[in-house]
Amino acid sequence: DVAWLGHGPDDSVFDFGFSKNGADTLARWGRDTIVERLAIAYRQYRPDIVIPTFLDVPGQHGHHRAMTEAAEAALAMAADSGFITPNIEPWSVSKYYLPAWSGGGDTYDDEVPPPVATVEMVAPGRDVPTGASFSAIGEWSRAYHATQGMGRWITDPKTTWPLHLRQGPAETETDIRDNLPATLGKLADRLPTQSAGALHAAQQQIDAAQRAFPDRSAVIDALLQAATAVDHARDSAGDDVLRQHGHRLERKLKEIDAALLLAEGIDPIAWAEPHRLPAGGASMLKVQLDGNSLPVTATPLAQADITVAAPVVEPQGFAFSLSIASDAPLSSQFAPGFASLGGNGPLRVAISANIQGRMATTVIDLEEPLAVAPRHSVSLQPSTIIINRLRPPATPALSIAVRPAQTPATLA
């Protein structure tokens, strides 16, 4: 999941240019603003580990220095019961690491040496779904920094990254996952006996489901038993356990439901036609389902200014007519976050099916987010023109295209 800490061009947190000074950056952004947003993100996403990408040392980019300072300050705020966030409980991050190398990967000239390494993050081999090395995946990410010319081919990829444990348990560790519940089985060791037994059983069934792939029937049987065991562990756990670990169980149940639907051949997509429309406009929400033998329900989840009618059942899925309130504000192009399990945007769809007595539900996003757009937009046509400066034309061959929402462009 992703939490964005800058919320668009009208926000105080934005990229204002190169900076060598973390204090100056925080003054421009508003130190209280960025620390509070980070603390709320810690509480919302409940990470076990926080690792800033860069060091707060002279020679580093001021934005990076500011974020490292804010990341550390937000740890205390997130754990402080005196900091009130409605409907979100305080959260204590278990481990806080700093990179134990200089220069952010040889990017900057740090003026002081890095902290001593206390543990190494070792990632040999390749990522199973893509077949790529983890270092190569990092370069794919950096290649998207279009303004900075980043991302390069590495013939000898790194497999080890040294880290410095700045805050966390004093026990010696050989892996950043040490002393943390990295699996349901590890979590079971921290829970009361009744819940622990159920989670050990759940872990065994999850392992069995992975071994059984791609045997759909065997995968479904194992996942159903895993879900039942997690339900039992959650129901038998006390309030203190749920405050500390309930989010882990809830996420695991969401993952199991999503896997159950896929194993049953239910792999839906949803989209709006059109997906950009003005306030007061109308559209159609389409949900298409792959072939399967189970009855499936599709339930739109919409913001208050979106009205969705009852579904029309089609051969390949469902169709819903929808309308936007006449006073609906324009959609922001800067969402505060992104949920990897779905649930993003002003309109999404909950897909449910009864699988051998268990109602499995997953939430899918639209292929293109529904957006409330201006009634008209304009653009130059063509978007690029070459002019001979020695013999410039009297009137460049440029037109302005005016595009009303939901209709083709017209030239003016």
Protein backbone atom coordinates (compact mmCIF):
# COMPACT_ATOMS: atom_id res chain seq x y z
CA ASP A 1 0.00 0.00 0.00
CA VAL A 2 1.09 3.60 -0.53
CA ALA A 3 0.42 6.74 1.52
CA TRP A 4 1.15 9.98 -0.32
CA LEU A 5 2.35 12.78 1.92
CA GLY A 6 2.04 15.55 -0.68
CA HIS A 7 -1.52 16.25 -1.81
CA GLY A 8 -1.14 18.25 -5.00
CA PRO A 9 0.00 21.67 -6.26
CA ASP A 10 -2.20 23.55 -3.79
CA ASP A 11 -0.65 21.69 -0.85
CA SER A 12 2.23 22.98 1.26
CA VAL A 13 4.21 19.76 0.69
CA PHE A 14 5.63 19.84 -2.83
CA ASP A 15 8.88 19.58 -4.80
CA PHE A 16 10.14 23.18 -4.82
CA GLY A 17 13.60 22.43 -6.30
CA PHE A 18 16.96 21.13 -5.20
CA SER A 19 17.77 21.71 -1.54
CA LYS A 20 20.76 20.90 0.64
CA ASN A 21 19.06 21.96 3.85
CA GLY A 22 16.61 19.71 5.67
CA ALA A 23 15.55 22.43 8.12
CA ASP A 24 14.75 24.80 5.26
CA THR A 25 12.73 22.08 3.52
CA LEU A 26 10.70 21.38 6.66
CA ALA A 27 10.08 25.11 7.12
CA ARG A 28 8.69 25.33 3.58
CA TRP A 29 6.57 22.21 3.91
CA GLY A 30 5.53 22.83 7.49
CA ARG A 31 7.31 20.48 9.88
CA ASP A 32 4.21 19.83 11.98
CA THR A 33 2.22 19.02 8.83
CA ILE A 34 4.59 16.40 7.44
CA VAL A 35 5.28 14.76 10.82
CA GLU A 36 1.57 14.54 11.59
CA ARG A 37 0.79 13.04 8.18
CA LEU A 38 3.50 10.44 8.69
CA ALA A 39 2.23 9.61 12.18
CA ILE A 40 -1.29 9.14 10.82
CA ALA A 41 0.10 6.91 8.04
CA TYR A 42 1.93 4.79 10.63
CA ARG A 43 -1.33 4.37 12.54
CA GLN A 44 -3.36 3.65 9.42
CA TYR A 45 -0.98 1.14 7.79
CA ARG A 46 0.58 -0.18 11.03
CA PRO A 47 4.04 -1.09 9.73
CA ASP A 48 6.39 -3.22 11.82
CA ILE A 49 9.49 -1.67 10.24
CA VAL A 50 10.31 1.85 9.04
CA ILE A 51 13.37 2.44 6.84
CA PRO A 52 14.08 5.87 5.35
CA THR A 53 15.89 5.69 2.02
CA PHE A 54 18.55 8.30 2.83
CA LEU A 55 20.53 9.66 5.75
CA ASP A 56 19.97 13.03 7.41
CA VAL A 57 23.58 14.19 7.00
CA PRO A 58 25.32 17.14 5.30
CA GLY A 59 25.72 16.54 1.59
CA GLN A 60 22.33 14.88 1.15
CA HIS A 61 19.37 16.39 -0.72
CA GLY A 62 17.38 18.57 1.66
CA HIS A 63 14.11 16.80 0.84
CA HIS A 64 15.66 13.45 1.80
CA ARG A 65 17.11 14.90 4.99
CA ALA A 66 13.72 16.35 5.89
CA MET A 67 11.92 13.06 5.34
CA THR A 68 14.39 11.11 7.47
CA GLU A 69 14.00 13.61 10.32
CA ALA A 70 10.21 13.53 9.96
CA ALA A 71 10.14 9.71 9.80
CA GLU A 72 11.88 9.48 13.15
CA ALA A 73 9.84 12.22 14.80
CA ALA A 74 6.60 10.58 13.66
CA LEU A 75 7.47 7.33 15.48
CA ALA A 76 6.89 8.94 18.88
CA MET A 77 3.79 10.82 17.73
CA ALA A 78 2.15 7.65 16.33
CA ALA A 79 2.68 5.84 19.65
CA ASP A 80 1.52 8.76 21.84
CA SER A 81 -2.00 8.21 23.16
CA GLY A 82 -2.26 11.96 23.65
CA PHE A 83 -2.19 12.46 19.87
CA ILE A 84 -5.85 11.89 18.94
CA THR A 85 -6.84 10.52 15.54
CA PRO A 86 -10.55 9.62 15.36
CA ASN A 87 -11.18 5.91 14.66
CA ILE A 88 -7.44 5.12 14.41
CA GLU A 89 -5.65 3.66 17.42
CA PRO A 90 -2.05 4.54 18.39
CA TRP A 91 0.64 2.32 16.88
CA SER A 92 4.20 1.57 17.98
CA VAL A 93 6.59 0.67 15.16
CA SER A 94 8.79 -2.24 16.27
CA LYS A 95 11.98 -1.37 14.35
CA TYR A 96 13.44 1.76 12.84
CA TYR A 97 16.48 1.35 10.58
CA LEU A 98 18.79 3.75 8.79
CA PRO A 99 20.74 2.85 5.65
CA ALA A 100 24.29 1.90 6.63
CA TRP A 101 25.86 3.08 3.40
CA SER A 102 26.98 6.50 2.25
CA GLY A 103 25.58 8.69 -0.47
CA GLY A 104 22.21 7.04 -1.11
CA GLY A 105 23.76 4.50 -3.46
CA ASP A 106 26.61 6.77 -4.62
CA THR A 107 24.11 9.50 -5.53
CA TYR A 108 25.32 12.15 -3.06
CA ASP A 109 28.59 13.11 -1.40
CA ASP A 110 27.90 12.62 2.28
CA GLU A 111 30.17 14.69 4.50
CA VAL A 112 30.12 12.22 7.41
CA PRO A 113 30.46 8.41 7.40
CA PRO A 114 27.33 6.25 7.60
CA PRO A 115 26.29 4.51 10.82
CA VAL A 116 27.70 1.08 11.55
CA ALA A 117 25.80 -1.85 10.04
CA THR A 118 23.92 -3.98 12.58
CA VAL A 119 22.25 -6.34 10.11
CA GLU A 120 22.29 -7.04 6.38
CA MET A 121 19.24 -7.37 4.18
CA VAL A 122 20.06 -10.28 1.87
CA ALA A 123 17.91 -10.85 -1.22
CA PRO A 124 19.60 -13.38 -3.51
CA GLY A 125 17.99 -15.12 -6.45
CA ARG A 126 15.09 -13.78 -8.44
CA ASP A 127 11.53 -12.64 -7.93
CA VAL A 128 9.33 -15.62 -8.73
CA PRO A 129 6.48 -13.89 -10.67
CA THR A 130 8.75 -11.77 -12.90
CA GLY A 131 11.97 -13.77 -13.02
CA ALA A 132 13.93 -10.55 -12.41
CA SER A 133 16.59 -9.88 -9.79
CA PHE A 134 15.49 -7.62 -6.96
CA SER A 135 18.14 -5.10 -7.94
CA ALA A 136 16.69 -5.00 -11.47
CA ILE A 137 13.23 -4.37 -10.07
CA GLY A 138 14.70 -1.42 -8.18
CA GLU A 139 16.08 -0.05 -11.44
CA TRP A 140 12.66 -0.45 -13.09
CA SER A 141 11.29 1.74 -10.31
CA ARG A 142 14.00 4.36 -10.73
CA ALA A 143 13.41 4.44 -14.50
CA TYR A 144 10.04 6.04 -13.72
CA HIS A 145 11.86 9.09 -12.30
CA ALA A 146 11.48 10.67 -15.73
CA THR A 147 12.88 14.06 -14.73
CA GLN A 148 16.08 12.63 -13.21
CA GLY A 149 17.37 10.24 -15.88
CA MET A 150 17.48 7.33 -13.45
CA GLY A 151 17.38 3.58 -14.04
CA ARG A 152 20.27 1.72 -15.63
CA TRP A 153 21.29 -1.78 -16.67
CA ILE A 154 23.30 -3.54 -13.95
CA THR A 155 25.43 -6.49 -15.02
CA ASP A 156 26.36 -7.47 -11.46
CA PRO A 157 23.26 -6.74 -9.34
CA LYS A 158 23.49 -6.19 -5.61
CA THR A 159 22.02 -8.82 -3.32
CA THR A 160 22.96 -7.36 0.08
CA TRP A 161 22.06 -4.04 1.73
CA PRO A 162 23.52 -3.10 5.16
CA LEU A 163 21.20 -1.48 7.71
CA HIS A 164 21.63 0.18 11.08
CA LEU A 165 19.00 -0.54 13.75
CA ARG A 166 18.42 2.85 15.39
CA GLN A 167 15.35 1.91 17.45
CA GLY A 168 14.14 -1.56 18.28
CA PRO A 169 14.69 -4.65 20.44
CA ALA A 170 18.19 -5.12 21.83
CA GLU A 171 18.38 -8.79 20.83
CA THR A 172 20.98 -9.75 18.25
CA GLU A 173 19.41 -10.26 14.85
CA THR A 174 20.53 -11.82 11.59
CA ASP A 175 17.44 -10.81 9.58
CA ILE A 176 15.16 -7.77 9.75
CA ARG A 177 12.22 -10.14 10.32
CA ASP A 178 13.72 -11.49 13.54
CA ASN A 179 11.52 -10.90 16.60
CA LEU A 180 8.55 -10.05 14.35
CA PRO A 181 5.45 -12.11 13.41
CA ALA A 182 6.36 -12.56 9.74
CA THR A 183 3.81 -15.35 9.20
CA LEU A 184 0.63 -16.56 10.88
CA GLY A 185 2.69 -19.39 12.34
CA LYS A 186 5.13 -16.90 13.92
CA LEU A 187 2.21 -14.79 15.14
CA ALA A 188 0.72 -17.87 16.81
CA ASP A 189 3.68 -18.03 19.19
CA ARG A 190 2.61 -14.64 20.63
CA LEU A 191 -1.06 -15.46 21.22
CA PRO A 192 -3.07 -17.34 23.87
CA THR A 193 -3.21 -21.12 23.45
CA GLN A 194 -6.65 -21.31 21.80
CA SER A 195 -5.87 -18.68 19.18
CA ALA A 196 -2.35 -20.03 18.69
CA GLY A 197 -3.58 -23.48 17.76
CA ALA A 198 -5.99 -22.05 15.20
CA LEU A 199 -3.28 -19.91 13.58
CA HIS A 200 -0.84 -22.82 13.38
CA ALA A 201 -3.59 -24.75 11.58
CA ALA A 202 -4.23 -21.78 9.27
CA GLN A 203 -0.53 -21.55 8.38
CA GLN A 204 -0.43 -25.27 7.55
CA GLN A 205 -3.40 -24.88 5.18
CA ILE A 206 -1.92 -21.78 3.50
CA ASP A 207 1.29 -23.73 2.92
CA ALA A 208 -0.79 -26.60 1.55
CA ALA A 209 -2.63 -24.25 -0.84
CA GLN A 210 0.67 -22.94 -2.20
CA ARG A 211 2.01 -26.46 -2.70
CA ALA A 212 -1.21 -27.50 -4.45
CA PHE A 213 -1.07 -24.75 -7.08
CA PRO A 214 -2.29 -24.95 -9.86
CA ASP A 215 -4.78 -27.63 -8.72
CA ARG A 216 -7.79 -25.33 -8.25
CA SER A 217 -9.88 -27.79 -6.27
CA ALA A 218 -7.08 -28.56 -3.81
CA VAL A 219 -6.24 -24.86 -3.46
CA ILE A 220 -9.87 -24.04 -2.64
CA ASP A 221 -10.16 -26.82 -0.05
CA ALA A 222 -7.00 -25.69 1.73
CA LEU A 223 -7.94 -22.00 1.66
CA LEU A 224 -11.41 -22.68 3.06
CA GLN A 225 -9.86 -24.51 6.00
CA ALA A 226 -7.35 -21.68 6.46
CA ALA A 227 -10.13 -19.07 6.51
CA THR A 228 -12.10 -21.05 9.09
CA ALA A 229 -9.03 -21.29 11.30
CA VAL A 230 -8.27 -17.56 11.06
CA ASP A 231 -11.93 -16.77 11.87
CA HIS A 232 -11.66 -18.99 14.96
CA ALA A 233 -8.41 -17.34 16.06
CA ARG A 234 -9.92 -13.88 15.69
CA ASP A 235 -13.11 -14.79 17.53
CA SER A 236 -11.22 -16.35 20.44
CA ALA A 237 -8.66 -13.55 20.80
CA GLY A 238 -9.14 -10.91 23.47
CA ASP A 239 -9.36 -7.15 22.94
CA ASP A 240 -5.68 -6.60 23.74
CA VAL A 241 -4.62 -9.15 21.13
CA LEU A 242 -6.91 -7.66 18.50
CA ARG A 243 -5.60 -4.13 19.14
CA GLN A 244 -2.08 -5.35 18.43
CA HIS A 245 -2.70 -8.00 15.78
CA GLY A 246 -6.28 -7.74 14.54
CA HIS A 247 -5.20 -5.89 11.38
CA ARG A 248 -2.96 -8.82 10.44
CA LEU A 249 -5.84 -11.27 10.68
CA GLU A 250 -8.22 -9.02 8.75
CA ARG A 251 -5.73 -8.57 5.91
CA LYS A 252 -5.03 -12.30 5.77
CA LEU A 253 -8.76 -12.99 5.45
CA LYS A 254 -9.00 -10.48 2.58
CA GLU A 255 -6.07 -12.19 0.84
CA ILE A 256 -7.68 -15.60 1.31
CA ASP A 257 -11.02 -14.38 -0.10
CA ALA A 258 -9.31 -12.88 -3.15
CA ALA A 259 -7.43 -16.13 -3.75
CA LEU A 260 -10.62 -18.20 -3.34
CA LEU A 261 -12.43 -16.17 -6.00
CA LEU A 262 -9.52 -16.48 -8.41
CA ALA A 263 -9.30 -20.22 -7.81
CA GLU A 264 -13.02 -20.49 -8.65
CA GLY A 265 -12.32 -18.73 -11.97
CA ILE A 266 -13.91 -15.44 -10.86
CA ASP A 267 -11.57 -12.77 -12.24
CA PRO A 268 -13.75 -9.68 -12.81
CA ILE A 269 -12.98 -6.31 -14.33
CA ALA A 270 -15.04 -3.12 -14.00
CA TRP A 271 -15.09 0.13 -15.92
CA ALA A 272 -17.24 3.20 -16.50
CA GLU A 273 -18.39 4.44 -19.93
CA PRO A 274 -17.41 7.28 -19.92
CA HIS A 275 -15.07 7.40 -16.93
CA ARG A 276 -14.67 11.22 -17.10
CA LEU A 277 -17.84 13.28 -16.91
CA PRO A 278 -18.98 16.65 -15.56
CA ALA A 279 -21.03 17.32 -12.47
CA GLY A 280 -24.63 16.40 -13.26
CA GLY A 281 -23.46 13.90 -15.89
CA ALA A 282 -24.46 10.26 -16.37
CA SER A 283 -22.46 7.14 -17.15
CA MET A 284 -22.66 3.35 -17.20
CA LEU A 285 -20.77 1.07 -14.83
CA LYS A 286 -19.92 -2.28 -16.45
CA VAL A 287 -18.74 -5.37 -14.58
CA GLN A 288 -17.50 -8.28 -16.68
CA LEU A 289 -16.99 -11.75 -15.23
CA ASP A 290 -14.97 -14.64 -16.56
CA GLY A 291 -16.79 -17.93 -16.91
CA ASN A 292 -17.54 -19.73 -13.64
CA SER A 293 -20.24 -21.97 -12.24
CA LEU A 294 -21.18 -19.90 -9.17
CA PRO A 295 -23.71 -17.08 -8.77
CA VAL A 296 -21.78 -13.83 -8.29
CA THR A 297 -23.00 -10.53 -6.91
CA ALA A 298 -21.48 -7.14 -7.75
CA THR A 299 -22.12 -4.28 -5.34
CA PRO A 300 -20.93 -0.75 -6.26
CA LEU A 301 -19.24 1.17 -3.46
CA ALA A 302 -19.58 4.88 -4.22
CA GLN A 303 -19.02 8.27 -2.64
CA ALA A 304 -22.04 10.27 -1.56
CA ASP A 305 -22.22 12.40 -4.74
CA ILE A 306 -22.49 9.31 -6.99
CA THR A 307 -25.86 7.59 -7.41
CA VAL A 308 -25.89 4.05 -8.81
CA ALA A 309 -29.09 2.36 -10.01
CA ALA A 310 -30.05 -1.29 -9.62
CA PRO A 311 -28.07 -3.68 -11.84
CA VAL A 312 -29.09 -5.03 -15.20
CA VAL A 313 -27.85 -8.60 -15.62
CA GLU A 314 -26.01 -9.15 -18.90
CA PRO A 315 -24.61 -12.37 -20.43
CA GLN A 316 -21.08 -11.48 -19.33
CA GLY A 317 -21.82 -9.65 -16.08
CA PHE A 318 -23.70 -6.58 -14.88
CA ALA A 319 -24.48 -3.04 -16.02
CA PHE A 320 -25.40 -0.16 -13.71
CA SER A 321 -26.49 3.33 -14.71
CA LEU A 322 -24.95 6.02 -12.55
CA SER A 323 -25.23 9.79 -12.19
CA ILE A 324 -23.10 12.51 -10.63
CA ALA A 325 -24.65 15.14 -8.37
CA SER A 326 -24.96 18.54 -9.99
CA ASP A 327 -22.91 20.14 -7.21
CA ALA A 328 -20.18 17.48 -7.13
CA PRO A 329 -16.65 18.97 -6.87
CA LEU A 330 -14.00 18.25 -9.48
CA SER A 331 -12.01 15.10 -8.75
CA SER A 332 -8.57 15.56 -7.25
CA GLN A 333 -5.75 14.12 -9.33
CA PHE A 334 -3.73 13.53 -6.16
CA ALA A 335 -5.18 10.68 -4.10
CA PRO A 336 -3.97 10.45 -0.49
CA GLY A 337 -3.08 6.77 -0.89
CA PHE A 338 -3.32 3.51 -2.81
CA ALA A 339 -4.56 0.17 -1.44
CA SER A 340 -2.99 -2.86 -3.12
CA LEU A 341 -5.99 -5.08 -2.35
CA GLY A 342 -8.42 -2.65 -4.03
CA GLY A 343 -10.82 -0.01 -2.78
CA ASN A 344 -9.35 3.02 -4.53
CA GLY A 345 -11.16 5.90 -6.18
CA PRO A 346 -14.64 7.36 -5.71
CA LEU A 347 -16.29 4.24 -7.21
CA ARG A 348 -15.29 0.59 -6.88
CA VAL A 349 -17.10 -2.75 -6.82
CA ALA A 350 -17.39 -5.50 -4.20
CA ILE A 351 -17.52 -8.96 -5.80
CA SER A 352 -19.01 -11.78 -3.71
CA ALA A 353 -19.71 -15.48 -4.18
CA ASN A 354 -20.69 -18.33 -1.88
CA ILE A 355 -17.88 -20.87 -2.08
CA GLN A 356 -18.85 -24.07 -0.28
CA GLY A 357 -20.62 -22.16 2.46
CA ARG A 358 -18.14 -19.29 2.80
CA MET A 359 -19.14 -15.89 1.41
CA ALA A 360 -15.90 -14.70 -0.18
CA THR A 361 -15.69 -11.00 -1.05
CA THR A 362 -13.06 -8.89 -2.76
CA VAL A 363 -13.08 -5.26 -3.84
CA ILE A 364 -11.91 -4.33 -7.35
CA ASP A 365 -11.05 -0.93 -8.73
CA LEU A 366 -12.27 0.45 -12.05
CA GLU A 367 -9.87 0.08 -14.96
CA GLU A 368 -9.81 3.89 -15.13
CA PRO A 369 -10.90 5.79 -12.00
CA LEU A 370 -14.21 7.60 -12.31
CA ALA A 371 -13.51 11.34 -12.39
CA VAL A 372 -15.65 14.46 -12.22
CA ALA A 373 -14.05 16.66 -14.88
CA PRO A 374 -14.57 20.23 -16.11
CA ARG A 375 -17.38 20.67 -18.66
CA HIS A 376 -14.85 21.68 -21.30
CA SER A 377 -11.15 21.21 -21.85
CA VAL A 378 -8.92 22.80 -24.47
CA SER A 379 -5.72 21.69 -26.20
CA LEU A 380 -3.52 22.88 -29.04
CA GLN A 381 -3.73 21.01 -32.34
CA PRO A 382 -1.27 19.81 -33.39
CA SER A 383 0.52 19.35 -30.09
CA THR A 384 3.89 19.90 -31.80
CA ILE A 385 4.80 22.27 -34.64
CA ILE A 386 8.16 23.00 -36.31
CA ILE A 387 8.75 26.57 -37.53
CA ASN A 388 11.61 27.69 -39.77
CA ARG A 389 12.86 30.78 -37.97
CA LEU A 390 14.45 32.09 -41.19
CA ARG A 391 11.10 31.98 -43.01
CA PRO A 392 8.42 31.93 -40.32
CA PRO A 393 4.82 31.64 -41.55
CA ALA A 394 2.60 34.65 -41.20
CA THR A 395 0.12 32.58 -39.18
CA PRO A 396 1.24 29.29 -37.63
CA ALA A 397 -1.10 26.42 -38.48
CA LEU A 398 -2.42 26.00 -34.97
CA SER A 399 -5.96 25.35 -33.80
CA ILE A 400 -7.51 25.12 -30.39
CA ALA A 401 -9.48 21.95 -29.81
CA VAL A 402 -12.41 22.41 -27.43
CA ARG A 403 -13.58 19.13 -25.94
CA PRO A 404 -16.88 19.16 -24.08
CA ALA A 405 -17.17 16.32 -21.61
CA GLN A 406 -18.69 13.14 -23.12
CA THR A 407 -18.57 14.43 -26.73
CA PRO A 408 -15.90 14.36 -29.50
CA ALA A 409 -13.49 17.26 -29.85
CA THR A 410 -14.45 20.19 -32.05
CA LEU A 411 -12.04 22.64 -33.67
CA ALA A 412 -12.22 26.39 -33.13
